[in-house]
Amino acid sequence: MATTIQVTETVKAELDEIKSYKRQTYNEVIQKLIDIFDIISEDKELRGDVLRDINEAKKEIRQGKGITTEQLLKNLGITNDV
């Protein structure tokens, strides 16, 4: 059974950025985040490393250093026909 949740436009935009492919559902994105959280919650050393890497990646994205998933797939010669 599905339910509705409310998120801000900022959160929605961030969820859109996390999507692995264009038609991925928000449910799948949120589940992926929960799975990642569960993994890093179990390992304190990993948690510190992951959080540091996430913060660094967010900083690089804000500076325009990142590429989109579509660009990465194109660079790797992978089609995204989902």
PDB file of N, CA and C in Angstrom:
ATOM      1  N   MET A   1       0.833  -1.177   0.000  1.00  0.00           N
ATOM      2  CA  MET A   1       0.000   0.000   0.000  1.00  0.00           C
ATOM      3  C   MET A   1       0.880   1.243   0.000  1.00  0.00           C
ATOM      4  N   ALA A   2       0.595   2.179  -0.853  1.00  0.00           N
ATOM      5  CA  ALA A   2       1.369   3.412  -0.955  1.00  0.00           C
ATOM      6  C   ALA A   2       0.770   4.486  -0.064  1.00  0.00           C
ATOM      7  N   THR A   3       1.599   5.450   0.291  1.00  0.00           N
ATOM      8  CA  THR A   3       1.151   6.589   1.074  1.00  0.00           C
ATOM      9  C   THR A   3       1.813   7.836   0.512  1.00  0.00           C
ATOM     10  N   THR A   4       1.344   8.978   0.913  1.00  0.00           N
ATOM     11  CA  THR A   4       1.888  10.247   0.448  1.00  0.00           C
ATOM     12  C   THR A   4       2.698  10.879   1.569  1.00  0.00           C
ATOM     13  N   ILE A   5       3.851  11.441   1.213  1.00  0.00           N
ATOM     14  CA  ILE A   5       4.644  12.201   2.177  1.00  0.00           C
ATOM     15  C   ILE A   5       4.905  13.575   1.584  1.00  0.00           C
ATOM     16  N   GLN A   6       5.182  14.536   2.438  1.00  0.00           N
ATOM     17  CA  GLN A   6       5.486  15.882   1.974  1.00  0.00           C
ATOM     18  C   GLN A   6       6.960  16.158   2.203  1.00  0.00           C
ATOM     19  N   VAL A   7       7.602  16.701   1.183  1.00  0.00           N
ATOM     20  CA  VAL A   7       8.993  17.127   1.291  1.00  0.00           C
ATOM     21  C   VAL A   7       9.098  18.520   0.683  1.00  0.00           C
ATOM     22  N   THR A   8      10.095  19.256   1.105  1.00  0.00           N
ATOM     23  CA  THR A   8      10.309  20.581   0.537  1.00  0.00           C
ATOM     24  C   THR A   8      10.827  20.446  -0.893  1.00  0.00           C
ATOM     25  N   GLU A   9      10.757  21.533  -1.638  1.00  0.00           N
ATOM     26  CA  GLU A   9      11.280  21.534  -3.010  1.00  0.00           C
ATOM     27  C   GLU A   9      12.778  21.226  -3.006  1.00  0.00           C
ATOM     28  N   THR A  10      13.478  21.696  -1.972  1.00  0.00           N
ATOM     29  CA  THR A  10      14.912  21.440  -1.869  1.00  0.00           C
ATOM     30  C   THR A  10      15.186  19.953  -1.710  1.00  0.00           C
ATOM     31  N   VAL A  11      14.441  19.296  -0.832  1.00  0.00           N
ATOM     32  CA  VAL A  11      14.617  17.857  -0.623  1.00  0.00           C
ATOM     33  C   VAL A  11      14.265  17.099  -1.896  1.00  0.00           C
ATOM     34  N   LYS A  12      13.191  17.484  -2.553  1.00  0.00           N
ATOM     35  CA  LYS A  12      12.804  16.829  -3.806  1.00  0.00           C
ATOM     36  C   LYS A  12      13.917  16.959  -4.840  1.00  0.00           C
ATOM     37  N   ALA A  13      14.502  18.150  -4.942  1.00  0.00           N
ATOM     38  CA  ALA A  13      15.592  18.367  -5.896  1.00  0.00           C
ATOM     39  C   ALA A  13      16.795  17.491  -5.551  1.00  0.00           C
ATOM     40  N   GLU A  14      17.086  17.352  -4.260  1.00  0.00           N
ATOM     41  CA  GLU A  14      18.202  16.502  -3.852  1.00  0.00           C
ATOM     42  C   GLU A  14      17.909  15.037  -4.137  1.00  0.00           C
ATOM     43  N   LEU A  15      16.675  14.603  -3.919  1.00  0.00           N
ATOM     44  CA  LEU A  15      16.298  13.229  -4.259  1.00  0.00           C
ATOM     45  C   LEU A  15      16.436  13.000  -5.761  1.00  0.00           C
ATOM     46  N   ASP A  16      16.055  13.998  -6.556  1.00  0.00           N
ATOM     47  CA  ASP A  16      16.205  13.890  -8.008  1.00  0.00           C
ATOM     48  C   ASP A  16      17.674  13.710  -8.396  1.00  0.00           C
ATOM     49  N   GLU A  17      18.572  14.402  -7.702  1.00  0.00           N
ATOM     50  CA  GLU A  17      20.006  14.294  -7.992  1.00  0.00           C
ATOM     51  C   GLU A  17      20.558  12.920  -7.627  1.00  0.00           C
ATOM     52  N   ILE A  18      19.957  12.276  -6.650  1.00  0.00           N
ATOM     53  CA  ILE A  18      20.434  10.975  -6.181  1.00  0.00           C
ATOM     54  C   ILE A  18      19.971   9.840  -7.084  1.00  0.00           C
ATOM     55  N   LYS A  19      18.924  10.074  -7.855  1.00  0.00           N
ATOM     56  CA  LYS A  19      18.384   9.015  -8.714  1.00  0.00           C
ATOM     57  C   LYS A  19      19.478   8.390  -9.571  1.00  0.00           C
ATOM     58  N   SER A  20      19.460   7.065  -9.666  1.00  0.00           N
ATOM     59  CA  SER A  20      20.421   6.339 -10.489  1.00  0.00           C
ATOM     60  C   SER A  20      20.032   6.372 -11.957  1.00  0.00           C
ATOM     61  N   TYR A  21      18.753   6.512 -12.216  1.00  0.00           N
ATOM     62  CA  TYR A  21      18.252   6.618 -13.585  1.00  0.00           C
ATOM     63  C   TYR A  21      16.979   7.451 -13.560  1.00  0.00           C
ATOM     64  N   LYS A  22      16.640   8.028 -14.700  1.00  0.00           N
ATOM     65  CA  LYS A  22      15.582   9.027 -14.780  1.00  0.00           C
ATOM     66  C   LYS A  22      14.242   8.572 -14.204  1.00  0.00           C
ATOM     67  N   ARG A  23      13.850   7.340 -14.467  1.00  0.00           N
ATOM     68  CA  ARG A  23      12.526   6.880 -14.052  1.00  0.00           C
ATOM     69  C   ARG A  23      12.528   6.165 -12.698  1.00  0.00           C
ATOM     70  N   GLN A  24      13.619   6.246 -11.971  1.00  0.00           N
ATOM     71  CA  GLN A  24      13.677   5.629 -10.651  1.00  0.00           C
ATOM     72  C   GLN A  24      12.661   6.322  -9.740  1.00  0.00           C
ATOM     73  N   THR A  25      11.912   5.542  -8.987  1.00  0.00           N
ATOM     74  CA  THR A  25      10.888   6.120  -8.114  1.00  0.00           C
ATOM     75  C   THR A  25      11.521   6.712  -6.857  1.00  0.00           C
ATOM     76  N   TYR A  26      10.790   7.641  -6.241  1.00  0.00           N
ATOM     77  CA  TYR A  26      11.271   8.210  -4.984  1.00  0.00           C
ATOM     78  C   TYR A  26      11.337   7.136  -3.906  1.00  0.00           C
ATOM     79  N   ASN A  27      10.431   6.178  -3.947  1.00  0.00           N
ATOM     80  CA  ASN A  27      10.472   5.070  -3.001  1.00  0.00           C
ATOM     81  C   ASN A  27      11.804   4.325  -3.120  1.00  0.00           C
ATOM     82  N   GLU A  28      12.241   4.071  -4.351  1.00  0.00           N
ATOM     83  CA  GLU A  28      13.517   3.374  -4.565  1.00  0.00           C
ATOM     84  C   GLU A  28      14.690   4.215  -4.077  1.00  0.00           C
ATOM     85  N   VAL A  29      14.635   5.517  -4.322  1.00  0.00           N
ATOM     86  CA  VAL A  29      15.712   6.408  -3.875  1.00  0.00           C
ATOM     87  C   VAL A  29      15.783   6.423  -2.352  1.00  0.00           C
ATOM     88  N   ILE A  30      14.643   6.565  -1.708  1.00  0.00           N
ATOM     89  CA  ILE A  30      14.614   6.596  -0.245  1.00  0.00           C
ATOM     90  C   ILE A  30      15.073   5.259   0.329  1.00  0.00           C
ATOM     91  N   GLN A  31      14.658   4.153  -0.282  1.00  0.00           N
ATOM     92  CA  GLN A  31      15.094   2.835   0.190  1.00  0.00           C
ATOM     93  C   GLN A  31      16.608   2.696   0.056  1.00  0.00           C
ATOM     94  N   LYS A  32      17.169   3.202  -1.050  1.00  0.00           N
ATOM     95  CA  LYS A  32      18.619   3.160  -1.237  1.00  0.00           C
ATOM     96  C   LYS A  32      19.318   3.945  -0.126  1.00  0.00           C
ATOM     97  N   LEU A  33      18.788   5.115   0.221  1.00  0.00           N
ATOM     98  CA  LEU A  33      19.369   5.916   1.297  1.00  0.00           C
ATOM     99  C   LEU A  33      19.276   5.198   2.639  1.00  0.00           C
ATOM    100  N   ILE A  34      18.159   4.542   2.891  1.00  0.00           N
ATOM    101  CA  ILE A  34      17.994   3.775   4.130  1.00  0.00           C
ATOM    102  C   ILE A  34      19.003   2.632   4.182  1.00  0.00           C
ATOM    103  N   ASP A  35      19.180   1.926   3.068  1.00  0.00           N
ATOM    104  CA  ASP A  35      20.149   0.827   3.013  1.00  0.00           C
ATOM    105  C   ASP A  35      21.560   1.328   3.293  1.00  0.00           C
ATOM    106  N   ILE A  36      21.924   2.459   2.687  1.00  0.00           N
ATOM    107  CA  ILE A  36      23.255   3.037   2.911  1.00  0.00           C
ATOM    108  C   ILE A  36      23.404   3.432   4.374  1.00  0.00           C
ATOM    109  N   PHE A  37      22.387   4.054   4.937  1.00  0.00           N
ATOM    110  CA  PHE A  37      22.425   4.456   6.339  1.00  0.00           C
ATOM    111  C   PHE A  37      22.618   3.250   7.247  1.00  0.00           C
ATOM    112  N   ASP A  38      21.894   2.168   6.965  1.00  0.00           N
ATOM    113  CA  ASP A  38      22.021   0.951   7.773  1.00  0.00           C
ATOM    114  C   ASP A  38      23.451   0.414   7.741  1.00  0.00           C
ATOM    115  N   ILE A  39      24.061   0.432   6.572  1.00  0.00           N
ATOM    116  CA  ILE A  39      25.427  -0.083   6.432  1.00  0.00           C
ATOM    117  C   ILE A  39      26.409   0.771   7.220  1.00  0.00           C
ATOM    118  N   ILE A  40      26.335   2.089   7.052  1.00  0.00           N
ATOM    119  CA  ILE A  40      27.324   2.935   7.728  1.00  0.00           C
ATOM    120  C   ILE A  40      27.052   3.063   9.222  1.00  0.00           C
ATOM    121  N   SER A  41      25.821   2.825   9.647  1.00  0.00           N
ATOM    122  CA  SER A  41      25.511   2.880  11.078  1.00  0.00           C
ATOM    123  C   SER A  41      26.161   1.738  11.840  1.00  0.00           C
ATOM    124  N   GLU A  42      26.416   0.632  11.153  1.00  0.00           N
ATOM    125  CA  GLU A  42      26.996  -0.544  11.798  1.00  0.00           C
ATOM    126  C   GLU A  42      28.510  -0.440  11.969  1.00  0.00           C
ATOM    127  N   ASP A  43      29.153   0.447  11.230  1.00  0.00           N
ATOM    128  CA  ASP A  43      30.611   0.524  11.237  1.00  0.00           C
ATOM    129  C   ASP A  43      31.034   1.974  11.472  1.00  0.00           C
ATOM    130  N   LYS A  44      31.449   2.292  12.703  1.00  0.00           N
ATOM    131  CA  LYS A  44      31.764   3.677  13.050  1.00  0.00           C
ATOM    132  C   LYS A  44      32.917   4.240  12.227  1.00  0.00           C
ATOM    133  N   GLU A  45      33.919   3.429  11.942  1.00  0.00           N
ATOM    134  CA  GLU A  45      35.040   3.909  11.134  1.00  0.00           C
ATOM    135  C   GLU A  45      34.572   4.216   9.715  1.00  0.00           C
ATOM    136  N   LEU A  46      33.796   3.310   9.153  1.00  0.00           N
ATOM    137  CA  LEU A  46      33.253   3.519   7.816  1.00  0.00           C
ATOM    138  C   LEU A  46      32.349   4.744   7.796  1.00  0.00           C
ATOM    139  N   ARG A  47      31.547   4.905   8.850  1.00  0.00           N
ATOM    140  CA  ARG A  47      30.630   6.039   8.915  1.00  0.00           C
ATOM    141  C   ARG A  47      31.392   7.354   8.794  1.00  0.00           C
ATOM    142  N   GLY A  48      32.480   7.494   9.520  1.00  0.00           N
ATOM    143  CA  GLY A  48      33.276   8.715   9.440  1.00  0.00           C
ATOM    144  C   GLY A  48      33.826   8.943   8.047  1.00  0.00           C
ATOM    145  N   ASP A  49      34.346   7.876   7.440  1.00  0.00           N
ATOM    146  CA  ASP A  49      34.887   7.979   6.087  1.00  0.00           C
ATOM    147  C   ASP A  49      33.803   8.343   5.087  1.00  0.00           C
ATOM    148  N   VAL A  50      32.659   7.694   5.189  1.00  0.00           N
ATOM    149  CA  VAL A  50      31.563   7.943   4.247  1.00  0.00           C
ATOM    150  C   VAL A  50      31.046   9.366   4.400  1.00  0.00           C
ATOM    151  N   LEU A  51      30.831   9.804   5.626  1.00  0.00           N
ATOM    152  CA  LEU A  51      30.335  11.159   5.837  1.00  0.00           C
ATOM    153  C   LEU A  51      31.326  12.195   5.321  1.00  0.00           C
ATOM    154  N   ARG A  52      32.604  11.953   5.529  1.00  0.00           N
ATOM    155  CA  ARG A  52      33.635  12.856   5.019  1.00  0.00           C
ATOM    156  C   ARG A  52      33.591  12.891   3.489  1.00  0.00           C
ATOM    157  N   ASP A  53      33.482  11.713   2.867  1.00  0.00           N
ATOM    158  CA  ASP A  53      33.415  11.631   1.403  1.00  0.00           C
ATOM    159  C   ASP A  53      32.154  12.302   0.861  1.00  0.00           C
ATOM    160  N   ILE A  54      31.035  12.111   1.538  1.00  0.00           N
ATOM    161  CA  ILE A  54      29.783  12.738   1.100  1.00  0.00           C
ATOM    162  C   ILE A  54      29.898  14.255   1.170  1.00  0.00           C
ATOM    163  N   ASN A  55      30.436  14.763   2.264  1.00  0.00           N
ATOM    164  CA  ASN A  55      30.593  16.214   2.404  1.00  0.00           C
ATOM    165  C   ASN A  55      31.530  16.773   1.343  1.00  0.00           C
ATOM    166  N   GLU A  56      32.603  16.055   1.052  1.00  0.00           N
ATOM    167  CA  GLU A  56      33.539  16.491   0.013  1.00  0.00           C
ATOM    168  C   GLU A  56      32.864  16.476  -1.359  1.00  0.00           C
ATOM    169  N   ALA A  57      32.085  15.439  -1.635  1.00  0.00           N
ATOM    170  CA  ALA A  57      31.387  15.344  -2.921  1.00  0.00           C
ATOM    171  C   ALA A  57      30.364  16.470  -3.071  1.00  0.00           C
ATOM    172  N   LYS A  58      29.626  16.765  -2.003  1.00  0.00           N
ATOM    173  CA  LYS A  58      28.648  17.852  -2.062  1.00  0.00           C
ATOM    174  C   LYS A  58      29.345  19.184  -2.322  1.00  0.00           C
ATOM    175  N   LYS A  59      30.496  19.378  -1.700  1.00  0.00           N
ATOM    176  CA  LYS A  59      31.266  20.602  -1.911  1.00  0.00           C
ATOM    177  C   LYS A  59      31.698  20.708  -3.375  1.00  0.00           C
ATOM    178  N   GLU A  60      32.183  19.604  -3.938  1.00  0.00           N
ATOM    179  CA  GLU A  60      32.612  19.603  -5.335  1.00  0.00           C
ATOM    180  C   GLU A  60      31.444  19.861  -6.278  1.00  0.00           C
ATOM    181  N   ILE A  61      30.291  19.296  -5.974  1.00  0.00           N
ATOM    182  CA  ILE A  61      29.109  19.517  -6.817  1.00  0.00           C
ATOM    183  C   ILE A  61      28.716  20.989  -6.784  1.00  0.00           C
ATOM    184  N   ARG A  62      28.729  21.594  -5.598  1.00  0.00           N
ATOM    185  CA  ARG A  62      28.401  23.023  -5.493  1.00  0.00           C
ATOM    186  C   ARG A  62      29.381  23.874  -6.293  1.00  0.00           C
ATOM    187  N   GLN A  63      30.619  23.399  -6.412  1.00  0.00           N
ATOM    188  CA  GLN A  63      31.637  24.128  -7.165  1.00  0.00           C
ATOM    189  C   GLN A  63      31.582  23.813  -8.662  1.00  0.00           C
ATOM    190  N   GLY A  64      30.613  22.981  -9.054  1.00  0.00           N
ATOM    191  CA  GLY A  64      30.453  22.652 -10.468  1.00  0.00           C
ATOM    192  C   GLY A  64      31.434  21.622 -10.983  1.00  0.00           C
ATOM    193  N   LYS A  65      32.053  20.861 -10.102  1.00  0.00           N
ATOM    194  CA  LYS A  65      33.061  19.881 -10.508  1.00  0.00           C
ATOM    195  C   LYS A  65      32.478  18.511 -10.843  1.00  0.00           C
ATOM    196  N   GLY A  66      31.215  18.289 -10.517  1.00  0.00           N
ATOM    197  CA  GLY A  66      30.611  16.977 -10.744  1.00  0.00           C
ATOM    198  C   GLY A  66      30.068  16.836 -12.153  1.00  0.00           C
ATOM    199  N   ILE A  67      29.684  15.607 -12.488  1.00  0.00           N
ATOM    200  CA  ILE A  67      28.997  15.352 -13.747  1.00  0.00           C
ATOM    201  C   ILE A  67      27.709  14.601 -13.440  1.00  0.00           C
ATOM    202  N   THR A  68      26.769  14.681 -14.355  1.00  0.00           N
ATOM    203  CA  THR A  68      25.501  13.991 -14.146  1.00  0.00           C
ATOM    204  C   THR A  68      25.672  12.502 -14.407  1.00  0.00           C
ATOM    205  N   THR A  69      24.711  11.721 -13.938  1.00  0.00           N
ATOM    206  CA  THR A  69      24.718  10.283 -14.207  1.00  0.00           C
ATOM    207  C   THR A  69      24.680  10.040 -15.707  1.00  0.00           C
ATOM    208  N   GLU A  70      23.870  10.829 -16.411  1.00  0.00           N
ATOM    209  CA  GLU A  70      23.770  10.684 -17.861  1.00  0.00           C
ATOM    210  C   GLU A  70      25.126  10.921 -18.525  1.00  0.00           C
ATOM    211  N   GLN A  71      25.863  11.946 -18.054  1.00  0.00           N
ATOM    212  CA  GLN A  71      27.185  12.221 -18.614  1.00  0.00           C
ATOM    213  C   GLN A  71      28.147  11.069 -18.337  1.00  0.00           C
ATOM    214  N   LEU A  72      28.084  10.518 -17.141  1.00  0.00           N
ATOM    215  CA  LEU A  72      28.951   9.401 -16.786  1.00  0.00           C
ATOM    216  C   LEU A  72      28.662   8.198 -17.666  1.00  0.00           C
ATOM    217  N   LEU A  73      27.377   7.869 -17.821  1.00  0.00           N
ATOM    218  CA  LEU A  73      27.007   6.733 -18.665  1.00  0.00           C
ATOM    219  C   LEU A  73      27.486   6.943 -20.097  1.00  0.00           C
ATOM    220  N   LYS A  74      27.327   8.156 -20.602  1.00  0.00           N
ATOM    221  CA  LYS A  74      27.780   8.465 -21.964  1.00  0.00           C
ATOM    222  C   LYS A  74      29.299   8.307 -22.061  1.00  0.00           C
ATOM    223  N   ASN A  75      30.015   8.816 -21.069  1.00  0.00           N
ATOM    224  CA  ASN A  75      31.481   8.699 -21.058  1.00  0.00           C
ATOM    225  C   ASN A  75      31.932   7.244 -21.042  1.00  0.00           C
ATOM    226  N   LEU A  76      31.145   6.393 -20.384  1.00  0.00           N
ATOM    227  CA  LEU A  76      31.481   4.972 -20.294  1.00  0.00           C
ATOM    228  C   LEU A  76      30.924   4.166 -21.465  1.00  0.00           C
ATOM    229  N   GLY A  77      30.166   4.831 -22.340  1.00  0.00           N
ATOM    230  CA  GLY A  77      29.585   4.145 -23.490  1.00  0.00           C
ATOM    231  C   GLY A  77      28.424   3.240 -23.129  1.00  0.00           C
ATOM    232  N   ILE A  78      27.734   3.576 -22.052  1.00  0.00           N
ATOM    233  CA  ILE A  78      26.601   2.774 -21.582  1.00  0.00           C
ATOM    234  C   ILE A  78      25.318   3.513 -21.934  1.00  0.00           C
ATOM    235  N   THR A  79      24.367   2.793 -22.531  1.00  0.00           N
ATOM    236  CA  THR A  79      23.086   3.425 -22.837  1.00  0.00           C
ATOM    237  C   THR A  79      22.185   3.350 -21.626  1.00  0.00           C
ATOM    238  N   ASN A  80      21.352   4.342 -21.478  1.00  0.00           N
ATOM    239  CA  ASN A  80      20.449   4.441 -20.327  1.00  0.00           C
ATOM    240  C   ASN A  80      19.015   4.336 -20.820  1.00  0.00           C
ATOM    241  N   ASP A  81      18.641   3.174 -21.354  1.00  0.00           N
ATOM    242  CA  ASP A  81      17.323   2.965 -21.950  1.00  0.00           C
ATOM    243  C   ASP A  81      16.360   2.299 -20.980  1.00  0.00           C
ATOM    244  N   VAL A  82      16.178   2.906 -19.822  1.00  0.00           N
ATOM    245  CA  VAL A  82      15.275   2.327 -18.819  1.00  0.00           C
ATOM    246  C   VAL A  82      14.012   3.135 -18.763  1.00  0.00           C
TER     247      VAL A  82
END
